[in-house]
């Protein structure tokens, strides 16, 4: 006998989670709609040449960043794939994962420490150009930062794609004496070509929704994207009508890109866990070996440079004085507290959706999926269409009529960061729960074990490690986020990223570098812990 939806506590929990996400996203849209209706003339007047220039620059910088990230990544990934076993290969791939763990504001400070007006390479650039080095602000800085983040991500995804080539093809190519050129054309390129649209689309979406990088490295109105324009319209110009139009355009762009990504079968959250390399039967000449070594070394230097500059600049700050400042201590406690609550909420929502999805699938057994099952399966991915700054802007506009919008800053930071971390948390929780349910579902039904008793006695042993992985990753993402706190932050509510931005604004760059080192170390430790727990989970399985 089929069970109706409300009879299963897991389905009820999933409905509550979907309702919470709906309230968060729906409240943001309500704020935007009410503001637009309230000032229709101002909203239409916002369509001026400046708005069109912002849209054009948003697309232009995303397209350039995609090309500069994906095209070199093709060759670097192929170089790594052509040499599946050499000393340091695993370490290089691990280093390529570090940018994924660094908050954007930390990476931006590292790039400024390396290429800025007073950076380590400033003297070299000045001597080469024959005049003073102006720094890397503007489009060039945005491109360097985006390539720093997305080149390693693309390399890892391309390497993973190349690993799917059957070993028999390489064995046959070796027996036939096929060289590097024909091997690329006949064996590697078809696989890379199949993966290329999805990876390129993923990088394009990440660059369109980039906020912190453009805010810090944009350098002025000439290098402003839609998200930064929303922030400027609300915090500096207080032009709600322009903010509404920018927000609607941002939603339209991200929705279009995410729709295209799903059509292409792209991995939107960028899962880059690489298994152990297979044995390959390759014939690599000495010339190709040297060329591949140069490619890998150049990519490694490009990625390691900003990280090393971040550490060096951070160690050059007065860390003892910073650790004793009341503002730094309060910001650290606020960051940790809000990130902890965000991670807890993110894990709770992810578990609820995962359990509801599985319960609905078991109850259905056969036939088409219902709307509720479809919502529990894809509801978390929908949040990627609405970037954090957009959600924050909608609620900022809604709450400003009800009182002090800044007073609700902690709630907004916790809820928005929790929901935005859900797609990543789900990737850790869902496979483990589905596997456990496959083993225990029928036995639990026969014994009548459900609800809290089932979670503690049956599900918890299998979910313990995945939940820890999801928690650590969600907390790292929340710690480094600047999107929501940039709108709602104030002197009474400051996180570490917000304090770093304030120190940069007051030209206290040494203090900002020291705080960035602290923030980057904590986030990196959390992500490494999540990665270790995830590997432990896979070994246990």
Protein backbone atom coordinates (compact mmCIF):
# COMPACT_ATOMS: atom_id res chain seq x y z
CA UNK A 1 0.00 0.00 0.00
CA UNK A 2 1.46 3.34 -1.03
CA UNK A 3 2.04 5.90 1.66
CA UNK A 4 0.68 9.39 1.18
CA UNK A 5 3.08 12.29 1.35
CA UNK A 6 2.31 13.61 4.86
CA UNK A 7 2.66 10.11 6.41
CA UNK A 8 6.43 10.05 5.96
CA UNK A 9 8.28 12.48 8.26
CA UNK A 10 11.08 12.75 5.68
CA UNK A 11 8.67 14.17 3.11
CA UNK A 12 7.35 16.64 5.66
CA UNK A 13 10.90 17.77 6.44
CA UNK A 14 11.57 18.22 2.72
CA UNK A 15 8.44 20.33 2.29
CA UNK A 16 9.54 22.55 5.19
CA UNK A 17 13.00 22.94 3.61
CA UNK A 18 11.49 23.84 0.24
CA UNK A 19 9.20 26.34 1.96
CA UNK A 20 12.18 27.97 3.68
CA UNK A 21 14.03 28.30 0.37
CA UNK A 22 10.86 29.62 -1.26
CA UNK A 23 10.44 32.27 1.44
CA UNK A 24 14.03 33.43 1.03
CA UNK A 25 13.93 33.65 -2.76
CA UNK A 26 10.30 34.77 -2.88
CA UNK A 27 10.91 37.53 -0.35
CA UNK A 28 13.75 38.87 -2.48
CA UNK A 29 11.54 38.88 -5.59
CA UNK A 30 8.73 40.52 -3.61
CA UNK A 31 11.04 43.33 -2.59
CA UNK A 32 12.14 43.84 -6.17
CA UNK A 33 8.59 43.79 -7.55
CA UNK A 34 7.21 46.16 -4.92
CA UNK A 35 10.06 48.58 -5.46
CA UNK A 36 9.61 48.44 -9.22
CA UNK A 37 5.85 49.06 -8.99
CA UNK A 38 6.42 51.87 -6.51
CA UNK A 39 8.71 53.70 -8.93
CA UNK A 40 7.94 52.56 -12.46
CA UNK A 41 9.17 55.74 -14.07
CA UNK A 42 12.47 55.55 -12.20
CA UNK A 43 12.89 51.90 -13.15
CA UNK A 44 12.41 52.63 -16.86
CA UNK A 45 14.63 55.68 -16.58
CA UNK A 46 17.42 53.40 -15.34
CA UNK A 47 17.77 52.10 -18.91
CA UNK A 48 20.43 54.59 -19.85
CA UNK A 49 23.79 54.28 -21.66
CA UNK A 50 25.55 53.54 -18.35
CA UNK A 51 23.31 50.53 -17.69
CA UNK A 52 23.95 49.16 -21.17
CA UNK A 53 27.68 49.72 -20.68
CA UNK A 54 27.57 47.73 -17.42
CA UNK A 55 25.77 44.84 -19.14
CA UNK A 56 28.25 44.89 -22.02
CA UNK A 57 31.23 44.88 -19.65
CA UNK A 58 29.71 42.04 -17.59
CA UNK A 59 29.45 39.83 -20.68
CA UNK A 60 32.78 40.97 -22.12
CA UNK A 61 34.84 40.26 -19.00
CA UNK A 62 33.11 36.89 -18.55
CA UNK A 63 33.82 35.89 -22.15
CA UNK A 64 37.47 36.95 -21.97
CA UNK A 65 37.93 35.25 -18.59
CA UNK A 66 36.42 32.07 -20.01
CA UNK A 67 38.73 32.05 -23.03
CA UNK A 68 41.86 32.82 -20.99
CA UNK A 69 40.97 30.10 -18.48
CA UNK A 70 39.66 27.30 -20.66
CA UNK A 71 41.97 27.41 -23.70
CA UNK A 72 45.26 27.15 -21.73
CA UNK A 73 43.63 24.59 -19.45
CA UNK A 74 43.10 22.30 -22.45
CA UNK A 75 46.85 22.11 -23.10
CA UNK A 76 47.86 21.92 -19.44
CA UNK A 77 45.37 19.11 -18.80
CA UNK A 78 46.62 17.25 -21.86
CA UNK A 79 50.21 17.65 -20.66
CA UNK A 80 49.27 16.19 -17.28
CA UNK A 81 47.32 13.41 -18.93
CA UNK A 82 50.23 12.50 -21.23
CA UNK A 83 52.38 11.94 -18.16
CA UNK A 84 50.14 10.07 -15.71
CA UNK A 85 53.02 9.10 -13.42
CA UNK A 86 55.78 11.49 -12.42
CA UNK A 87 57.11 12.76 -9.14
CA UNK A 88 54.98 15.62 -7.82
CA UNK A 89 51.98 15.11 -10.12
CA UNK A 90 49.56 14.47 -7.26
CA UNK A 91 50.95 17.48 -5.39
CA UNK A 92 50.40 19.71 -8.45
CA UNK A 93 46.78 18.62 -8.70
CA UNK A 94 46.35 19.30 -4.98
CA UNK A 95 47.80 22.79 -5.43
CA UNK A 96 45.36 23.35 -8.28
CA UNK A 97 42.56 22.65 -5.80
CA UNK A 98 43.72 25.33 -3.34
CA UNK A 99 42.17 28.30 -5.24
CA UNK A 100 38.79 26.62 -4.82
CA UNK A 101 39.24 26.94 -1.05
CA UNK A 102 40.45 30.54 -0.96
CA UNK A 103 37.94 33.35 -0.40
CA UNK A 104 37.87 35.75 -3.33
CA UNK A 105 38.98 38.68 -1.19
CA UNK A 106 42.08 36.76 -0.08
CA UNK A 107 43.03 35.91 -3.65
CA UNK A 108 42.46 39.52 -4.72
CA UNK A 109 44.86 40.77 -2.07
CA UNK A 110 47.44 38.19 -3.16
CA UNK A 111 47.17 39.36 -6.76
CA UNK A 112 47.56 42.99 -5.66
CA UNK A 113 50.59 42.05 -3.56
CA UNK A 114 52.12 40.47 -6.65
CA UNK A 115 51.04 42.72 -9.53
CA UNK A 116 49.80 45.89 -7.82
CA UNK A 117 51.33 49.35 -7.96
CA UNK A 118 53.48 48.52 -4.93
CA UNK A 119 53.62 44.78 -5.65
CA UNK A 120 56.62 42.53 -5.86
CA UNK A 121 56.71 42.75 -9.68
CA UNK A 122 56.07 46.52 -9.84
CA UNK A 123 59.75 47.36 -10.32
CA UNK A 124 60.13 44.79 -13.08
CA UNK A 125 57.04 46.05 -14.91
CA UNK A 126 58.14 49.67 -14.53
CA UNK A 127 61.57 48.89 -15.97
CA UNK A 128 60.04 46.97 -18.87
CA UNK A 129 57.53 49.73 -19.68
CA UNK A 130 59.91 52.63 -19.18
CA UNK A 131 57.55 54.40 -16.77
CA UNK A 132 55.83 53.90 -13.44
CA UNK A 133 53.70 50.77 -13.18
CA UNK A 134 50.06 51.92 -12.71
CA UNK A 135 48.94 48.68 -11.09
CA UNK A 136 46.58 46.00 -12.19
CA UNK A 137 43.21 47.58 -11.44
CA UNK A 138 40.51 47.43 -14.10
CA UNK A 139 39.87 44.76 -16.69
CA UNK A 140 43.39 43.34 -16.48
CA UNK A 141 43.12 42.74 -12.74
CA UNK A 142 39.71 41.12 -13.09
CA UNK A 143 41.00 38.80 -15.81
CA UNK A 144 44.07 37.76 -13.83
CA UNK A 145 41.95 36.98 -10.77
CA UNK A 146 39.37 35.03 -12.74
CA UNK A 147 42.04 33.00 -14.51
CA UNK A 148 43.70 32.33 -11.14
CA UNK A 149 40.48 30.74 -9.91
CA UNK A 150 39.18 29.11 -13.09
CA UNK A 151 42.32 27.84 -14.82
CA UNK A 152 43.03 25.24 -12.08
CA UNK A 153 39.34 24.31 -11.96
CA UNK A 154 39.24 23.80 -15.74
CA UNK A 155 42.48 21.80 -15.70
CA UNK A 156 41.12 19.40 -13.10
CA UNK A 157 37.84 18.97 -14.95
CA UNK A 158 39.63 18.34 -18.27
CA UNK A 159 42.00 15.85 -16.61
CA UNK A 160 38.99 14.05 -15.19
CA UNK A 161 37.42 13.95 -18.67
CA UNK A 162 40.62 12.56 -20.21
CA UNK A 163 40.65 9.81 -17.60
CA UNK A 164 37.45 8.43 -19.13
CA UNK A 165 39.31 7.40 -22.31
CA UNK A 166 39.49 3.58 -22.29
CA UNK A 167 42.96 2.20 -21.66
CA UNK A 168 42.56 -0.11 -24.64
CA UNK A 169 42.70 2.87 -26.99
CA UNK A 170 46.05 3.94 -25.57
CA UNK A 171 47.40 0.40 -25.75
CA UNK A 172 46.38 0.13 -29.41
CA UNK A 173 47.83 3.57 -30.18
CA UNK A 174 51.13 2.52 -28.60
CA UNK A 175 51.24 -0.70 -30.59
CA UNK A 176 50.56 1.18 -33.83
CA UNK A 177 53.19 3.82 -33.03
CA UNK A 178 50.75 6.74 -33.25
CA UNK A 179 52.48 10.04 -32.45
CA UNK A 180 51.32 12.90 -30.26
CA UNK A 181 49.54 14.81 -33.03
CA UNK A 182 47.39 11.97 -34.37
CA UNK A 183 46.74 10.75 -30.80
CA UNK A 184 45.39 14.17 -29.90
CA UNK A 185 43.22 14.36 -33.02
CA UNK A 186 41.85 10.82 -32.90
CA UNK A 187 41.73 9.98 -29.17
CA UNK A 188 41.97 13.01 -26.91
CA UNK A 189 40.19 15.76 -28.85
CA UNK A 190 36.80 13.95 -29.15
CA UNK A 191 36.72 13.62 -25.35
CA UNK A 192 37.89 17.17 -24.74
CA UNK A 193 35.42 18.51 -27.30
CA UNK A 194 32.55 16.76 -25.51
CA UNK A 195 33.60 18.25 -22.15
CA UNK A 196 34.45 21.70 -23.51
CA UNK A 197 30.95 23.28 -23.71
CA UNK A 198 30.04 22.33 -20.16
CA UNK A 199 33.34 23.50 -18.64
CA UNK A 200 33.36 26.72 -20.65
CA UNK A 201 29.77 27.43 -19.63
CA UNK A 202 30.55 26.77 -15.99
CA UNK A 203 33.48 29.20 -16.04
CA UNK A 204 31.36 31.78 -17.87
CA UNK A 205 28.68 31.57 -15.18
CA UNK A 206 31.22 31.87 -12.37
CA UNK A 207 32.63 35.02 -14.00
CA UNK A 208 29.20 36.57 -14.58
CA UNK A 209 28.33 36.13 -10.90
CA UNK A 210 31.72 37.34 -9.65
CA UNK A 211 31.25 40.10 -7.10
CA UNK A 212 34.21 40.39 -4.74
CA UNK A 213 36.85 40.25 -7.48
CA UNK A 214 35.23 43.04 -9.50
CA UNK A 215 34.51 45.11 -6.38
CA UNK A 216 38.16 45.09 -5.31
CA UNK A 217 40.01 44.97 -8.63
CA UNK A 218 37.54 46.79 -10.90
CA UNK A 219 38.97 50.16 -10.13
CA UNK A 220 36.00 52.37 -11.09
CA UNK A 221 32.82 52.80 -13.15
CA UNK A 222 34.55 51.73 -16.36
CA UNK A 223 35.03 48.20 -14.93
CA UNK A 224 31.72 47.52 -13.20
CA UNK A 225 29.56 44.41 -13.52
CA UNK A 226 25.88 44.04 -12.75
CA UNK A 227 26.42 42.70 -9.22
CA UNK A 228 28.81 45.48 -8.27
CA UNK A 229 26.38 47.96 -9.84
CA UNK A 230 23.62 46.64 -7.55
CA UNK A 231 25.85 47.13 -4.53
CA UNK A 232 26.83 50.66 -5.58
CA UNK A 233 23.24 51.62 -6.36
CA UNK A 234 22.09 50.65 -2.86
CA UNK A 235 25.04 51.48 -0.61
CA UNK A 236 26.49 54.59 -2.26
CA UNK A 237 23.94 56.15 -4.63
CA UNK A 238 20.81 54.79 -2.90
CA UNK A 239 19.03 54.51 -6.22
CA UNK A 240 16.54 51.62 -5.68
CA UNK A 241 15.10 51.94 -9.19
CA UNK A 242 18.49 51.34 -10.80
CA UNK A 243 19.17 48.50 -8.35
CA UNK A 244 15.91 46.82 -9.39
CA UNK A 245 16.74 46.95 -13.09
CA UNK A 246 20.30 45.75 -12.55
CA UNK A 247 18.99 42.90 -10.42
CA UNK A 248 16.44 41.80 -13.01
CA UNK A 249 19.09 41.85 -15.72
CA UNK A 250 21.45 39.83 -13.50
CA UNK A 251 18.74 37.22 -12.87
CA UNK A 252 17.99 37.01 -16.60
CA UNK A 253 21.67 36.48 -17.42
CA UNK A 254 22.30 33.83 -14.76
CA UNK A 255 19.06 32.01 -15.61
CA UNK A 256 20.04 31.88 -19.27
CA UNK A 257 23.53 30.59 -18.49
CA UNK A 258 22.33 27.97 -15.97
CA UNK A 259 19.69 26.76 -18.45
CA UNK A 260 22.37 26.43 -21.11
CA UNK A 261 24.62 24.56 -18.66
CA UNK A 262 21.94 22.03 -17.80
CA UNK A 263 21.32 21.47 -21.52
CA UNK A 264 25.04 20.83 -21.96
CA UNK A 265 25.16 18.49 -18.97
CA UNK A 266 27.66 20.66 -17.10
CA UNK A 267 28.64 20.05 -13.50
CA UNK A 268 27.41 23.38 -12.09
CA UNK A 269 29.05 23.09 -8.68
CA UNK A 270 32.38 22.07 -10.14
CA UNK A 271 33.06 18.73 -8.48
CA UNK A 272 36.75 18.12 -9.05
CA UNK A 273 37.61 15.02 -7.02
CA UNK A 274 40.17 13.13 -9.09
CA UNK A 275 40.61 9.37 -8.68
CA UNK A 276 43.98 7.69 -8.93
CA UNK A 277 45.38 7.86 -12.47
CA UNK A 278 45.09 4.76 -14.60
CA UNK A 279 48.06 3.08 -16.20
CA UNK A 280 48.52 4.46 -19.70
CA UNK A 281 50.42 2.97 -22.62
CA UNK A 282 51.91 6.13 -24.10
CA UNK A 283 54.80 6.87 -26.40
CA UNK A 284 56.05 10.34 -25.50
CA UNK A 285 59.09 11.83 -27.20
CA UNK A 286 61.69 13.86 -25.33
CA UNK A 287 60.70 17.07 -27.15
CA UNK A 288 57.05 16.61 -26.14
CA UNK A 289 58.14 15.86 -22.58
CA UNK A 290 60.03 19.13 -22.36
CA UNK A 291 57.17 21.11 -23.90
CA UNK A 292 54.69 19.54 -21.49
CA UNK A 293 57.00 20.26 -18.56
CA UNK A 294 57.19 23.93 -19.54
CA UNK A 295 53.40 24.15 -19.83
CA UNK A 296 52.84 22.56 -16.43
CA UNK A 297 55.53 24.72 -14.83
CA UNK A 298 54.09 27.97 -16.22
CA UNK A 299 50.60 27.07 -15.02
CA UNK A 300 52.00 26.10 -11.62
CA UNK A 301 53.89 29.38 -11.25
CA UNK A 302 50.80 31.38 -12.22
CA UNK A 303 48.69 29.63 -9.58
CA UNK A 304 51.30 29.52 -6.83
CA UNK A 305 52.40 33.17 -7.26
CA UNK A 306 49.35 34.89 -5.69
CA UNK A 307 49.19 32.29 -2.93
CA UNK A 308 52.84 32.84 -2.03
CA UNK A 309 52.35 36.62 -2.21
CA UNK A 310 49.38 36.34 0.16
CA UNK A 311 51.46 34.45 2.70
CA UNK A 312 54.45 36.78 2.37
CA UNK A 313 52.38 39.96 2.62
CA UNK A 314 50.39 38.54 5.53
CA UNK A 315 53.51 37.59 7.48
CA UNK A 316 54.82 41.11 6.89
CA UNK A 317 51.89 42.58 8.83
CA UNK A 318 51.94 43.15 12.59
CA UNK A 319 49.99 40.01 13.42
CA UNK A 320 50.51 40.44 17.16
CA UNK A 321 48.93 43.89 17.17
CA UNK A 322 46.10 42.75 14.92
CA UNK A 323 45.26 39.81 17.15
CA UNK A 324 44.98 42.19 20.10
CA UNK A 325 42.61 44.65 18.43
CA UNK A 326 39.04 44.57 19.70
CA UNK A 327 37.62 45.10 16.22
CA UNK A 328 39.54 42.10 14.85
CA UNK A 329 38.45 39.86 17.72
CA UNK A 330 34.83 40.88 17.35
CA UNK A 331 34.92 40.40 13.58
CA UNK A 332 36.52 36.96 14.01
CA UNK A 333 33.92 35.87 16.55
CA UNK A 334 31.13 37.23 14.36
CA UNK A 335 32.50 35.44 11.29
CA UNK A 336 32.89 32.12 13.09
CA UNK A 337 29.50 32.37 14.75
CA UNK A 338 27.61 33.29 11.58
CA UNK A 339 29.52 30.71 9.50
CA UNK A 340 28.78 28.02 12.10
CA UNK A 341 25.06 28.79 12.05
CA UNK A 342 25.07 28.95 8.24
CA UNK A 343 26.77 25.55 8.01
CA UNK A 344 24.31 23.99 10.49
CA UNK A 345 21.32 25.38 8.59
CA UNK A 346 22.80 24.36 5.22
CA UNK A 347 23.35 20.78 6.38
CA UNK A 348 19.85 20.58 7.88
CA UNK A 349 18.23 21.79 4.67
CA UNK A 350 20.38 19.48 2.55
CA UNK A 351 19.55 16.43 4.67
CA UNK A 352 15.84 17.27 4.60
CA UNK A 353 15.78 17.57 0.80
CA UNK A 354 17.88 14.42 0.36
CA UNK A 355 15.64 12.34 2.61
CA UNK A 356 12.44 13.68 1.06
CA UNK A 357 13.70 12.97 -2.45
CA UNK A 358 14.58 9.39 -1.55
CA UNK A 359 11.29 8.80 0.30
CA UNK A 360 9.26 10.07 -2.63
CA UNK A 361 11.25 7.90 -5.06
CA UNK A 362 10.68 4.80 -2.90
CA UNK A 363 6.96 5.49 -2.51
CA UNK A 364 6.58 6.12 -6.25
CA UNK A 365 8.30 2.90 -7.30
CA UNK A 366 7.23 3.35 -10.93
CA UNK A 367 5.69 6.00 -13.11
CA UNK A 368 6.61 9.62 -13.71
CA UNK A 369 8.02 11.84 -10.99
CA UNK A 370 5.69 14.22 -9.23
CA UNK A 371 6.31 17.95 -8.99
CA UNK A 372 7.23 17.57 -5.33
CA UNK A 373 9.85 14.95 -6.09
CA UNK A 374 11.23 17.07 -8.89
CA UNK A 375 11.40 20.09 -6.55
CA UNK A 376 13.30 18.16 -3.87
CA UNK A 377 15.72 16.96 -6.54
CA UNK A 378 16.42 20.28 -8.27
CA UNK A 379 15.27 22.89 -5.75
CA UNK A 380 18.75 23.47 -4.39
CA UNK A 381 20.16 24.01 -7.87
CA UNK A 382 17.64 26.78 -8.50
CA UNK A 383 19.41 29.00 -5.95
CA UNK A 384 22.37 29.22 -8.32
CA UNK A 385 20.20 31.29 -10.65
CA UNK A 386 19.88 33.99 -7.99
CA UNK A 387 23.31 35.15 -6.74
CA UNK A 388 23.69 36.17 -3.06
CA UNK A 389 23.96 39.88 -3.85
CA UNK A 390 20.64 39.66 -5.70
CA UNK A 391 18.88 37.98 -2.78
CA UNK A 392 20.40 40.52 -0.43
CA UNK A 393 19.30 43.40 -2.67
CA UNK A 394 15.70 42.15 -2.77
CA UNK A 395 15.47 41.80 0.99
CA UNK A 396 17.25 45.11 1.52
CA UNK A 397 14.59 46.85 -0.57
CA UNK A 398 11.78 44.96 1.20
CA UNK A 399 13.01 45.59 4.73
CA UNK A 400 13.87 49.25 4.34
CA UNK A 401 10.13 50.07 4.45
CA UNK A 402 9.64 48.04 7.65
CA UNK A 403 12.45 49.59 9.70
CA UNK A 404 16.22 49.37 9.98
CA UNK A 405 17.37 46.92 7.29
CA UNK A 406 20.83 46.72 8.88
CA UNK A 407 19.40 45.34 12.14
CA UNK A 408 18.55 42.05 10.43
CA UNK A 409 22.06 41.60 9.00
CA UNK A 410 22.96 38.43 11.01
CA UNK A 411 19.78 36.64 9.91
CA UNK A 412 20.32 37.56 6.26
CA UNK A 413 23.98 36.48 6.29
CA UNK A 414 23.17 33.13 7.92
CA UNK A 415 20.19 32.24 5.73
CA UNK A 416 21.57 33.38 2.38
CA UNK A 417 24.98 31.74 2.90
CA UNK A 418 23.29 28.54 4.10
CA UNK A 419 21.11 28.28 1.01
CA UNK A 420 23.97 29.18 -1.34
CA UNK A 421 26.12 26.40 0.16
CA UNK A 422 23.39 23.79 -0.24
CA UNK A 423 24.32 22.57 -3.77
CA UNK A 424 27.81 21.74 -2.48
CA UNK A 425 26.55 20.15 0.73
CA UNK A 426 24.12 17.98 -1.22
CA UNK A 427 26.97 16.47 -3.23
CA UNK A 428 28.46 15.14 0.00
CA UNK A 429 25.23 13.97 1.65
CA UNK A 430 23.06 12.60 -1.16
CA UNK A 431 25.20 9.65 -2.42
CA UNK A 432 25.80 8.36 1.11
CA UNK A 433 22.15 8.58 2.10
CA UNK A 434 20.94 6.95 -1.13
CA UNK A 435 23.36 4.07 -0.59
CA UNK A 436 22.27 3.63 3.04
CA UNK A 437 18.61 3.79 2.05
CA UNK A 438 19.17 1.13 -0.60
CA UNK A 439 20.46 -1.21 2.12
CA UNK A 440 18.05 -0.42 4.95
CA UNK A 441 14.80 0.94 3.44
CA UNK A 442 12.90 -2.33 3.33
CA UNK A 443 14.04 -3.44 6.79
CA UNK A 444 13.05 -0.09 8.34
CA UNK A 445 9.60 -0.35 6.74
CA UNK A 446 9.10 -3.89 8.07
CA UNK A 447 10.17 -2.94 11.61
CA UNK A 448 8.26 0.34 11.59
CA UNK A 449 11.37 2.43 12.29
CA UNK A 450 10.90 6.00 11.12
CA UNK A 451 11.42 9.61 12.05
CA UNK A 452 14.06 10.55 14.61
CA UNK A 453 14.62 6.92 15.69
CA UNK A 454 15.52 5.91 12.17
CA UNK A 455 17.90 8.84 11.75
CA UNK A 456 19.78 8.07 14.98
CA UNK A 457 19.85 4.28 14.76
CA UNK A 458 20.09 3.63 11.02
CA UNK A 459 21.09 6.72 9.03
CA UNK A 460 23.56 8.44 11.37
CA UNK A 461 26.38 5.83 11.15
CA UNK A 462 26.40 6.18 7.34
CA UNK A 463 25.93 9.97 7.29
CA UNK A 464 28.42 10.93 9.99
CA UNK A 465 31.37 11.53 7.69
CA UNK A 466 29.38 13.04 4.79
CA UNK A 467 27.67 15.44 7.19
CA UNK A 468 31.04 16.51 8.59
CA UNK A 469 32.31 17.03 5.04
CA UNK A 470 29.27 19.12 4.10
CA UNK A 471 29.50 21.11 7.33
CA UNK A 472 33.19 21.95 6.89
CA UNK A 473 32.74 22.98 3.26
CA UNK A 474 29.63 25.07 3.98
CA UNK A 475 31.39 26.80 6.86
CA UNK A 476 34.40 27.62 4.66
CA UNK A 477 32.15 29.13 1.98
CA UNK A 478 30.27 31.19 4.57
CA UNK A 479 33.46 32.44 6.24
CA UNK A 480 34.84 33.89 3.03
CA UNK A 481 31.64 35.34 1.62
CA UNK A 482 31.40 39.09 1.07
CA UNK A 483 28.22 39.31 -1.02
CA UNK A 484 25.50 39.71 1.62
CA UNK A 485 27.55 41.36 4.37
CA UNK A 486 28.68 43.99 1.86
CA UNK A 487 25.06 45.19 1.72
CA UNK A 488 23.99 44.61 5.32
CA UNK A 489 27.28 45.12 7.13
CA UNK A 490 27.75 48.04 9.54
CA UNK A 491 29.90 49.05 12.48
CA UNK A 492 27.81 46.84 14.73
CA UNK A 493 27.94 43.74 12.49
CA UNK A 494 31.31 43.13 10.83
CA UNK A 495 32.79 39.89 9.56
CA UNK A 496 36.43 39.31 8.66
CA UNK A 497 35.85 39.86 4.90
CA UNK A 498 33.94 43.05 5.68
CA UNK A 499 36.74 44.24 7.98
CA UNK A 500 39.36 43.45 5.32
CA UNK A 501 37.38 45.50 2.80
CA UNK A 502 37.13 48.37 5.29
CA UNK A 503 40.90 48.29 5.97
CA UNK A 504 41.58 48.36 2.24
CA UNK A 505 39.23 51.31 1.85
CA UNK A 506 41.19 53.23 4.49
CA UNK A 507 44.51 52.31 2.77
CA UNK A 508 45.65 50.07 5.65
CA UNK A 509 46.85 47.42 3.23
CA UNK A 510 49.26 45.76 5.65
CA UNK A 511 46.46 45.14 8.12
CA UNK A 512 44.25 43.83 5.30
CA UNK A 513 47.02 41.43 4.22
CA UNK A 514 47.42 40.09 7.75
CA UNK A 515 43.69 39.55 8.15
CA UNK A 516 43.52 37.93 4.71
CA UNK A 517 46.23 35.47 5.74
CA UNK A 518 44.22 34.53 8.83
CA UNK A 519 40.99 34.14 6.86
CA UNK A 520 42.63 32.16 4.06
CA UNK A 521 44.32 29.79 6.51
CA UNK A 522 41.07 29.02 8.33
CA UNK A 523 39.09 28.48 5.10
CA UNK A 524 41.82 26.32 3.59
CA UNK A 525 42.01 24.20 6.76
CA UNK A 526 38.24 23.66 6.66
CA UNK A 527 38.23 22.63 3.00
CA UNK A 528 41.19 20.30 3.48
CA UNK A 529 39.38 18.74 6.43
CA UNK A 530 36.28 18.31 4.27
CA UNK A 531 38.39 16.70 1.54
CA UNK A 532 40.03 14.32 4.02
CA UNK A 533 36.67 13.35 5.50
CA UNK A 534 35.30 12.79 2.02
CA UNK A 535 38.20 10.49 1.12
CA UNK A 536 37.75 8.65 4.39
CA UNK A 537 34.10 8.17 3.52
CA UNK A 538 34.94 6.71 0.13
CA UNK A 539 37.52 4.36 1.68
CA UNK A 540 34.99 3.23 4.28
CA UNK A 541 32.48 2.53 1.54
